[in-house]
Amino acid sequence: MRNYTRFIPGEEIGAVEQWDFGAVDTRAVLLAAQVKVQQATAERAQDESLRQEGFAQGFEQGRAHATVEAQRQMAEFVAQQGQVAGQQLARLFEQAQAQLASAEQAMAQGLLEIACELARQVLRRELSVDPAALQPVLREALGLLLADGKSTVVRLNPMDRETLAQGAPNEFASQALTLLADPTITPGGCVVESAGAVVDATVQKRWLRAIATLGLTSSWDAPDEHA
């Protein structure tokens, strides 16, 4: 073995290349760090992309759900409002119908009363100018009694008695009639009595019976407002 006490002779040195250990290690570290940074950046970008995509999907789903819910609530509100409005309209219609029916009834009642009042005035005038108006009344009253051959008393107004006394013997010759003047009886009416039976054929009584069928109670002797 050769021991060298000096530097290596030049003839023994071949090609020389400087070796930089530090430079080799630094580049490797830097390269590895760069790769890691790139990987981390890519992962973060991917995570961010996934997060943004998930957020967008969640947002769209939430918006769609909110839209559907809003439409449902709106439809429910409209339905409820429509139902309430329908009920209010039905109540208003019923009230209008009731008011109309009441108004029609009041109008009909008023027209009926006016018609009866006009009829009363016409009848009073007819009875005052027609001396023969009592004869059909007496004929009907005698028919109700069926008092053939029995004594019959007829109470009537003095004016009607005078008129009837002239025509009674011809029309009522088969019946024994006793005509009694009664100033309390209105012209056109009479009270017929036979064998304990009485027929009240006075104008007042006949008028009340006639208007009672119409639901009225107007008196025959009511004051004539149009006189």
C-alpha atoms as a PDB file:
ATOM      1  CA  MET A   1       0.000   0.000   0.000  1.00  0.00           C
ATOM      2  CA  ARG A   2       1.296   3.355  -1.016  1.00  0.00           C
ATOM      3  CA  ASN A   3       1.255   6.189   1.349  1.00  0.00           C
ATOM      4  CA  TYR A   4       0.963   9.662  -0.020  1.00  0.00           C
ATOM      5  CA  THR A   5       2.421  12.498   1.901  1.00  0.00           C
ATOM      6  CA  ARG A   6       1.535  15.057  -0.692  1.00  0.00           C
ATOM      7  CA  PHE A   7      -1.189  15.880  -3.001  1.00  0.00           C
ATOM      8  CA  ILE A   8      -2.117  13.470  -5.742  1.00  0.00           C
ATOM      9  CA  PRO A   9       0.191  13.931  -8.605  1.00  0.00           C
ATOM     10  CA  GLY A  10      -1.307  15.533 -11.628  1.00  0.00           C
ATOM     11  CA  GLU A  11      -0.478  12.592 -13.831  1.00  0.00           C
ATOM     12  CA  GLU A  12      -2.520  10.409 -11.640  1.00  0.00           C
ATOM     13  CA  ILE A  13      -5.569  12.620 -11.822  1.00  0.00           C
ATOM     14  CA  GLY A  14      -7.932  11.961 -14.662  1.00  0.00           C
ATOM     15  CA  ALA A  15     -11.037  13.930 -15.524  1.00  0.00           C
ATOM     16  CA  VAL A  16     -12.181  15.940 -12.607  1.00  0.00           C
ATOM     17  CA  GLU A  17     -15.817  16.992 -12.064  1.00  0.00           C
ATOM     18  CA  GLN A  18     -16.980  19.076  -9.186  1.00  0.00           C
ATOM     19  CA  TRP A  19     -19.654  17.346  -7.085  1.00  0.00           C
ATOM     20  CA  ASP A  20     -22.032  19.506  -5.253  1.00  0.00           C
ATOM     21  CA  PHE A  21     -23.846  17.379  -2.736  1.00  0.00           C
ATOM     22  CA  GLY A  22     -25.758  20.282  -1.353  1.00  0.00           C
ATOM     23  CA  ALA A  23     -27.070  21.266  -4.761  1.00  0.00           C
ATOM     24  CA  VAL A  24     -28.348  17.779  -5.462  1.00  0.00           C
ATOM     25  CA  ASP A  25     -30.225  17.514  -2.181  1.00  0.00           C
ATOM     26  CA  THR A  26     -31.748  20.998  -2.470  1.00  0.00           C
ATOM     27  CA  ARG A  27     -33.168  20.372  -5.941  1.00  0.00           C
ATOM     28  CA  ALA A  28     -34.729  17.115  -4.835  1.00  0.00           C
ATOM     29  CA  VAL A  29     -36.288  18.739  -1.824  1.00  0.00           C
ATOM     30  CA  LEU A  30     -37.504  21.662  -3.877  1.00  0.00           C
ATOM     31  CA  LEU A  31     -38.933  19.328  -6.501  1.00  0.00           C
ATOM     32  CA  ALA A  32     -40.706  17.235  -3.894  1.00  0.00           C
ATOM     33  CA  ALA A  33     -42.056  20.348  -2.214  1.00  0.00           C
ATOM     34  CA  GLN A  34     -43.243  21.720  -5.537  1.00  0.00           C
ATOM     35  CA  VAL A  35     -45.001  18.459  -6.311  1.00  0.00           C
ATOM     36  CA  LYS A  36     -46.650  18.495  -2.913  1.00  0.00           C
ATOM     37  CA  VAL A  37     -47.715  22.092  -3.384  1.00  0.00           C
ATOM     38  CA  GLN A  38     -49.159  21.294  -6.785  1.00  0.00           C
ATOM     39  CA  GLN A  39     -50.949  18.252  -5.388  1.00  0.00           C
ATOM     40  CA  ALA A  40     -52.298  20.241  -2.457  1.00  0.00           C
ATOM     41  CA  THR A  41     -53.398  23.032  -4.788  1.00  0.00           C
ATOM     42  CA  ALA A  42     -55.095  20.542  -7.086  1.00  0.00           C
ATOM     43  CA  GLU A  43     -56.802  18.872  -4.140  1.00  0.00           C
ATOM     44  CA  ARG A  44     -57.928  22.216  -2.769  1.00  0.00           C
ATOM     45  CA  ALA A  45     -59.195  23.219  -6.196  1.00  0.00           C
ATOM     46  CA  GLN A  46     -61.021  19.920  -6.528  1.00  0.00           C
ATOM     47  CA  ASP A  47     -62.454  20.251  -3.037  1.00  0.00           C
ATOM     48  CA  GLU A  48     -63.495  23.821  -3.786  1.00  0.00           C
ATOM     49  CA  SER A  49     -65.041  22.728  -7.051  1.00  0.00           C
ATOM     50  CA  LEU A  50     -66.914  19.929  -5.308  1.00  0.00           C
ATOM     51  CA  ARG A  51     -67.933  22.287  -2.548  1.00  0.00           C
ATOM     52  CA  GLN A  52     -69.147  24.870  -5.061  1.00  0.00           C
ATOM     53  CA  GLU A  53     -70.962  22.174  -7.018  1.00  0.00           C
ATOM     54  CA  GLY A  54     -72.560  20.836  -3.863  1.00  0.00           C
ATOM     55  CA  PHE A  55     -73.496  24.347  -2.810  1.00  0.00           C
ATOM     56  CA  ALA A  56     -75.015  25.015  -6.218  1.00  0.00           C
ATOM     57  CA  GLN A  57     -76.945  21.740  -6.112  1.00  0.00           C
ATOM     58  CA  GLY A  58     -78.099  22.430  -2.579  1.00  0.00           C
ATOM     59  CA  PHE A  59     -79.075  25.955  -3.543  1.00  0.00           C
ATOM     60  CA  GLU A  60     -81.056  24.743  -6.540  1.00  0.00           C
ATOM     61  CA  GLN A  61     -82.728  22.046  -4.471  1.00  0.00           C
ATOM     62  CA  GLY A  62     -83.536  24.551  -1.726  1.00  0.00           C
ATOM     63  CA  ARG A  63     -84.860  27.048  -4.227  1.00  0.00           C
ATOM     64  CA  ALA A  64     -86.982  24.387  -5.921  1.00  0.00           C
ATOM     65  CA  HIS A  65     -88.317  23.228  -2.559  1.00  0.00           C
ATOM     66  CA  ALA A  66     -89.007  26.811  -1.525  1.00  0.00           C
ATOM     67  CA  THR A  67     -90.772  27.452  -4.833  1.00  0.00           C
ATOM     68  CA  VAL A  68     -92.944  24.360  -4.449  1.00  0.00           C
ATOM     69  CA  GLU A  69     -93.729  25.257  -0.831  1.00  0.00           C
ATOM     70  CA  ALA A  70     -94.553  28.836  -1.785  1.00  0.00           C
ATOM     71  CA  GLN A  71     -96.839  27.628  -4.559  1.00  0.00           C
ATOM     72  CA  ARG A  72     -98.511  25.206  -2.163  1.00  0.00           C
ATOM     73  CA  GLN A  73     -99.039  27.919   0.449  1.00  0.00           C
ATOM     74  CA  MET A  74    -100.298  30.324  -2.203  1.00  0.00           C
ATOM     75  CA  ALA A  75    -102.718  27.728  -3.563  1.00  0.00           C
ATOM     76  CA  GLU A  76    -103.885  26.946  -0.044  1.00  0.00           C
ATOM     77  CA  PHE A  77    -104.314  30.659   0.693  1.00  0.00           C
ATOM     78  CA  VAL A  78    -106.257  31.210  -2.520  1.00  0.00           C
ATOM     79  CA  ALA A  79    -108.426  28.169  -1.783  1.00  0.00           C
ATOM     80  CA  GLN A  80    -109.120  29.383   1.746  1.00  0.00           C
ATOM     81  CA  GLN A  81    -109.846  32.897   0.533  1.00  0.00           C
ATOM     82  CA  GLY A  82    -112.079  31.497  -2.184  1.00  0.00           C
ATOM     83  CA  GLN A  83    -113.931  29.399   0.363  1.00  0.00           C
ATOM     84  CA  VAL A  84    -114.337  32.361   2.704  1.00  0.00           C
ATOM     85  CA  ALA A  85    -115.444  34.575  -0.165  1.00  0.00           C
ATOM     86  CA  GLY A  86    -117.877  31.886  -1.303  1.00  0.00           C
ATOM     87  CA  GLN A  87    -119.330  31.586   2.183  1.00  0.00           C
ATOM     88  CA  GLN A  88    -119.653  35.364   2.479  1.00  0.00           C
ATOM     89  CA  LEU A  89    -121.300  35.522  -0.939  1.00  0.00           C
ATOM     90  CA  ALA A  90    -123.703  32.743   0.044  1.00  0.00           C
ATOM     91  CA  ARG A  91    -124.614  34.591   3.259  1.00  0.00           C
ATOM     92  CA  LEU A  92    -125.120  37.833   1.342  1.00  0.00           C
ATOM     93  CA  PHE A  93    -127.269  36.000  -1.184  1.00  0.00           C
ATOM     94  CA  GLU A  94    -129.376  34.433   1.565  1.00  0.00           C
ATOM     95  CA  GLN A  95    -129.777  37.820   3.242  1.00  0.00           C
ATOM     96  CA  ALA A  96    -130.723  39.408  -0.069  1.00  0.00           C
ATOM     97  CA  GLN A  97    -133.219  36.624  -0.722  1.00  0.00           C
ATOM     98  CA  ALA A  98    -134.719  37.045   2.742  1.00  0.00           C
ATOM     99  CA  GLN A  99    -134.912  40.820   2.350  1.00  0.00           C
ATOM    100  CA  LEU A 100    -136.437  40.431  -1.100  1.00  0.00           C
ATOM    101  CA  ALA A 101    -138.978  37.926   0.174  1.00  0.00           C
ATOM    102  CA  SER A 102    -139.818  40.248   3.076  1.00  0.00           C
ATOM    103  CA  ALA A 103    -140.126  43.207   0.716  1.00  0.00           C
ATOM    104  CA  GLU A 104    -142.307  41.199  -1.662  1.00  0.00           C
ATOM    105  CA  GLN A 105    -144.501  40.070   1.200  1.00  0.00           C
ATOM    106  CA  ALA A 106    -144.824  43.617   2.521  1.00  0.00           C
ATOM    107  CA  MET A 107    -145.570  44.872  -0.974  1.00  0.00           C
ATOM    108  CA  ALA A 108    -148.151  42.150  -1.568  1.00  0.00           C
ATOM    109  CA  GLN A 109    -149.739  42.880   1.804  1.00  0.00           C
ATOM    110  CA  GLY A 110    -149.852  46.582   0.999  1.00  0.00           C
ATOM    111  CA  LEU A 111    -151.380  45.952  -2.416  1.00  0.00           C
ATOM    112  CA  LEU A 112    -153.930  43.603  -0.883  1.00  0.00           C
ATOM    113  CA  GLU A 113    -154.927  46.177   1.700  1.00  0.00           C
ATOM    114  CA  ILE A 114    -155.246  48.839  -0.994  1.00  0.00           C
ATOM    115  CA  ALA A 115    -157.360  46.498  -3.118  1.00  0.00           C
ATOM    116  CA  CYS A 116    -159.618  45.721  -0.166  1.00  0.00           C
ATOM    117  CA  GLU A 117    -159.977  49.385   0.638  1.00  0.00           C
ATOM    118  CA  LEU A 118    -160.965  50.127  -2.941  1.00  0.00           C
ATOM    119  CA  ALA A 119    -163.417  47.225  -2.894  1.00  0.00           C
ATOM    120  CA  ARG A 120    -164.941  48.517   0.334  1.00  0.00           C
ATOM    121  CA  GLN A 121    -165.464  51.971  -1.151  1.00  0.00           C
ATOM    122  CA  VAL A 122    -166.966  50.560  -4.337  1.00  0.00           C
ATOM    123  CA  LEU A 123    -169.336  48.325  -2.377  1.00  0.00           C
ATOM    124  CA  ARG A 124    -170.443  51.175  -0.145  1.00  0.00           C
ATOM    125  CA  ARG A 125    -171.284  53.292  -3.167  1.00  0.00           C
ATOM    126  CA  GLU A 126    -173.044  50.389  -4.893  1.00  0.00           C
ATOM    127  CA  LEU A 127    -175.140  49.678  -1.824  1.00  0.00           C
ATOM    128  CA  SER A 128    -176.069  53.330  -1.502  1.00  0.00           C
ATOM    129  CA  VAL A 129    -177.339  53.635  -5.083  1.00  0.00           C
ATOM    130  CA  ASP A 130    -178.744  50.143  -5.743  1.00  0.00           C
ATOM    131  CA  PRO A 131    -182.025  49.603  -3.871  1.00  0.00           C
ATOM    132  CA  ALA A 132    -182.208  45.970  -5.017  1.00  0.00           C
ATOM    133  CA  ALA A 133    -178.794  45.025  -3.621  1.00  0.00           C
ATOM    134  CA  LEU A 134    -180.362  43.449  -0.540  1.00  0.00           C
ATOM    135  CA  GLN A 135    -182.506  40.934  -2.394  1.00  0.00           C
ATOM    136  CA  PRO A 136    -179.746  38.424  -3.301  1.00  0.00           C
ATOM    137  CA  VAL A 137    -178.434  38.709   0.260  1.00  0.00           C
ATOM    138  CA  LEU A 138    -181.837  37.898   1.727  1.00  0.00           C
ATOM    139  CA  ARG A 139    -182.306  35.087  -0.756  1.00  0.00           C
ATOM    140  CA  GLU A 140    -179.050  33.476   0.318  1.00  0.00           C
ATOM    141  CA  ALA A 141    -179.834  33.908   4.032  1.00  0.00           C
ATOM    142  CA  LEU A 142    -183.257  32.281   3.639  1.00  0.00           C
ATOM    143  CA  GLY A 143    -181.623  29.405   1.739  1.00  0.00           C
ATOM    144  CA  LEU A 144    -179.291  28.801   4.685  1.00  0.00           C
ATOM    145  CA  LEU A 145    -182.186  28.617   7.139  1.00  0.00           C
ATOM    146  CA  LEU A 146    -184.289  26.101   5.158  1.00  0.00           C
ATOM    147  CA  ALA A 147    -187.315  27.512   6.957  1.00  0.00           C
ATOM    148  CA  ASP A 148    -189.999  26.403   4.508  1.00  0.00           C
ATOM    149  CA  GLY A 149    -193.466  27.325   5.826  1.00  0.00           C
ATOM    150  CA  LYS A 150    -192.061  28.675   9.082  1.00  0.00           C
ATOM    151  CA  SER A 151    -192.424  32.213  10.278  1.00  0.00           C
ATOM    152  CA  THR A 152    -189.310  34.232   9.490  1.00  0.00           C
ATOM    153  CA  VAL A 153    -188.339  37.625  10.880  1.00  0.00           C
ATOM    154  CA  VAL A 154    -186.086  39.838   8.799  1.00  0.00           C
ATOM    155  CA  ARG A 155    -184.497  42.859  10.456  1.00  0.00           C
ATOM    156  CA  LEU A 156    -183.072  45.405   8.021  1.00  0.00           C
ATOM    157  CA  ASN A 157    -182.400  49.079   7.490  1.00  0.00           C
ATOM    158  CA  PRO A 158    -185.601  51.213   7.226  1.00  0.00           C
ATOM    159  CA  MET A 159    -184.704  52.291   3.683  1.00  0.00           C
ATOM    160  CA  ASP A 160    -184.147  48.680   2.607  1.00  0.00           C
ATOM    161  CA  ARG A 161    -187.415  47.648   4.294  1.00  0.00           C
ATOM    162  CA  GLU A 162    -189.352  50.155   2.267  1.00  0.00           C
ATOM    163  CA  THR A 163    -187.720  48.999  -0.965  1.00  0.00           C
ATOM    164  CA  LEU A 164    -188.034  45.311  -0.149  1.00  0.00           C
ATOM    165  CA  ALA A 165    -191.635  45.591   0.996  1.00  0.00           C
ATOM    166  CA  GLN A 166    -192.615  46.450  -2.536  1.00  0.00           C
ATOM    167  CA  GLY A 167    -190.833  43.471  -4.168  1.00  0.00           C
ATOM    168  CA  ALA A 168    -190.936  40.860  -1.431  1.00  0.00           C
ATOM    169  CA  PRO A 169    -194.554  39.715  -1.943  1.00  0.00           C
ATOM    170  CA  ASN A 170    -193.737  38.679  -5.477  1.00  0.00           C
ATOM    171  CA  GLU A 171    -190.362  36.987  -4.917  1.00  0.00           C
ATOM    172  CA  PHE A 172    -190.896  35.617  -1.398  1.00  0.00           C
ATOM    173  CA  ALA A 173    -194.642  34.967  -1.591  1.00  0.00           C
ATOM    174  CA  SER A 174    -194.229  31.349  -0.442  1.00  0.00           C
ATOM    175  CA  GLN A 175    -192.535  32.377   2.795  1.00  0.00           C
ATOM    176  CA  ALA A 176    -194.090  34.108   5.762  1.00  0.00           C
ATOM    177  CA  LEU A 177    -191.752  37.056   6.152  1.00  0.00           C
ATOM    178  CA  THR A 178    -191.992  39.690   8.828  1.00  0.00           C
ATOM    179  CA  LEU A 179    -189.956  42.743   7.885  1.00  0.00           C
ATOM    180  CA  LEU A 180    -188.750  44.795  10.840  1.00  0.00           C
ATOM    181  CA  ALA A 181    -187.042  48.164  10.400  1.00  0.00           C
ATOM    182  CA  ASP A 182    -183.778  48.386  12.366  1.00  0.00           C
ATOM    183  CA  PRO A 183    -181.793  51.627  11.994  1.00  0.00           C
ATOM    184  CA  THR A 184    -178.670  49.978  13.525  1.00  0.00           C
ATOM    185  CA  ILE A 185    -178.315  47.752  10.475  1.00  0.00           C
ATOM    186  CA  THR A 186    -176.282  49.183   7.600  1.00  0.00           C
ATOM    187  CA  PRO A 187    -178.076  49.428   4.244  1.00  0.00           C
ATOM    188  CA  GLY A 188    -177.436  46.327   2.167  1.00  0.00           C
ATOM    189  CA  GLY A 189    -177.476  43.942   5.111  1.00  0.00           C
ATOM    190  CA  CYS A 190    -179.986  42.099   7.272  1.00  0.00           C
ATOM    191  CA  VAL A 191    -180.435  39.646  10.128  1.00  0.00           C
ATOM    192  CA  VAL A 192    -182.764  36.710   9.479  1.00  0.00           C
ATOM    193  CA  GLU A 193    -184.308  34.698  12.353  1.00  0.00           C
ATOM    194  CA  SER A 194    -186.472  31.566  12.079  1.00  0.00           C
ATOM    195  CA  ALA A 195    -187.268  28.828  14.593  1.00  0.00           C
ATOM    196  CA  GLY A 196    -184.435  29.883  16.884  1.00  0.00           C
ATOM    197  CA  ALA A 197    -181.850  29.983  14.076  1.00  0.00           C
ATOM    198  CA  VAL A 198    -180.169  33.282  13.203  1.00  0.00           C
ATOM    199  CA  VAL A 199    -178.262  34.245  10.047  1.00  0.00           C
ATOM    200  CA  ASP A 200    -176.212  37.415  10.401  1.00  0.00           C
ATOM    201  CA  ALA A 201    -176.078  38.789   6.870  1.00  0.00           C
ATOM    202  CA  THR A 202    -175.112  42.323   7.837  1.00  0.00           C
ATOM    203  CA  VAL A 203    -172.625  44.091   5.614  1.00  0.00           C
ATOM    204  CA  GLN A 204    -170.075  44.250   8.445  1.00  0.00           C
ATOM    205  CA  LYS A 205    -170.215  40.516   9.094  1.00  0.00           C
ATOM    206  CA  ARG A 206    -170.097  39.558   5.418  1.00  0.00           C
ATOM    207  CA  TRP A 207    -167.156  41.926   4.858  1.00  0.00           C
ATOM    208  CA  LEU A 208    -165.148  40.477   7.761  1.00  0.00           C
ATOM    209  CA  ARG A 209    -165.757  36.928   6.533  1.00  0.00           C
ATOM    210  CA  ALA A 210    -164.667  37.874   3.008  1.00  0.00           C
ATOM    211  CA  ILE A 211    -161.410  39.581   3.968  1.00  0.00           C
ATOM    212  CA  ALA A 212    -160.601  36.980   6.635  1.00  0.00           C
ATOM    213  CA  THR A 213    -159.880  34.533   3.808  1.00  0.00           C
ATOM    214  CA  LEU A 214    -157.231  37.020   2.674  1.00  0.00           C
ATOM    215  CA  GLY A 215    -155.674  37.329   6.120  1.00  0.00           C
ATOM    216  CA  LEU A 216    -157.020  40.842   6.745  1.00  0.00           C
ATOM    217  CA  THR A 217    -159.081  42.289   9.566  1.00  0.00           C
ATOM    218  CA  SER A 218    -160.077  45.694   8.189  1.00  0.00           C
ATOM    219  CA  SER A 219    -163.420  46.871   9.545  1.00  0.00           C
ATOM    220  CA  TRP A 220    -166.248  47.789   7.192  1.00  0.00           C
ATOM    221  CA  ASP A 221    -166.834  50.940   9.236  1.00  0.00           C
ATOM    222  CA  ALA A 222    -163.194  52.087   8.894  1.00  0.00           C
ATOM    223  CA  PRO A 223    -162.979  55.807   8.076  1.00  0.00           C
ATOM    224  CA  ASP A 224    -162.833  56.564   4.382  1.00  0.00           C
ATOM    225  CA  GLU A 225    -159.459  58.272   3.946  1.00  0.00           C
ATOM    226  CA  HIS A 226    -160.133  59.021   0.300  1.00  0.00           C
ATOM    227  CA  ALA A 227    -163.560  60.548   0.814  1.00  0.00           C
END
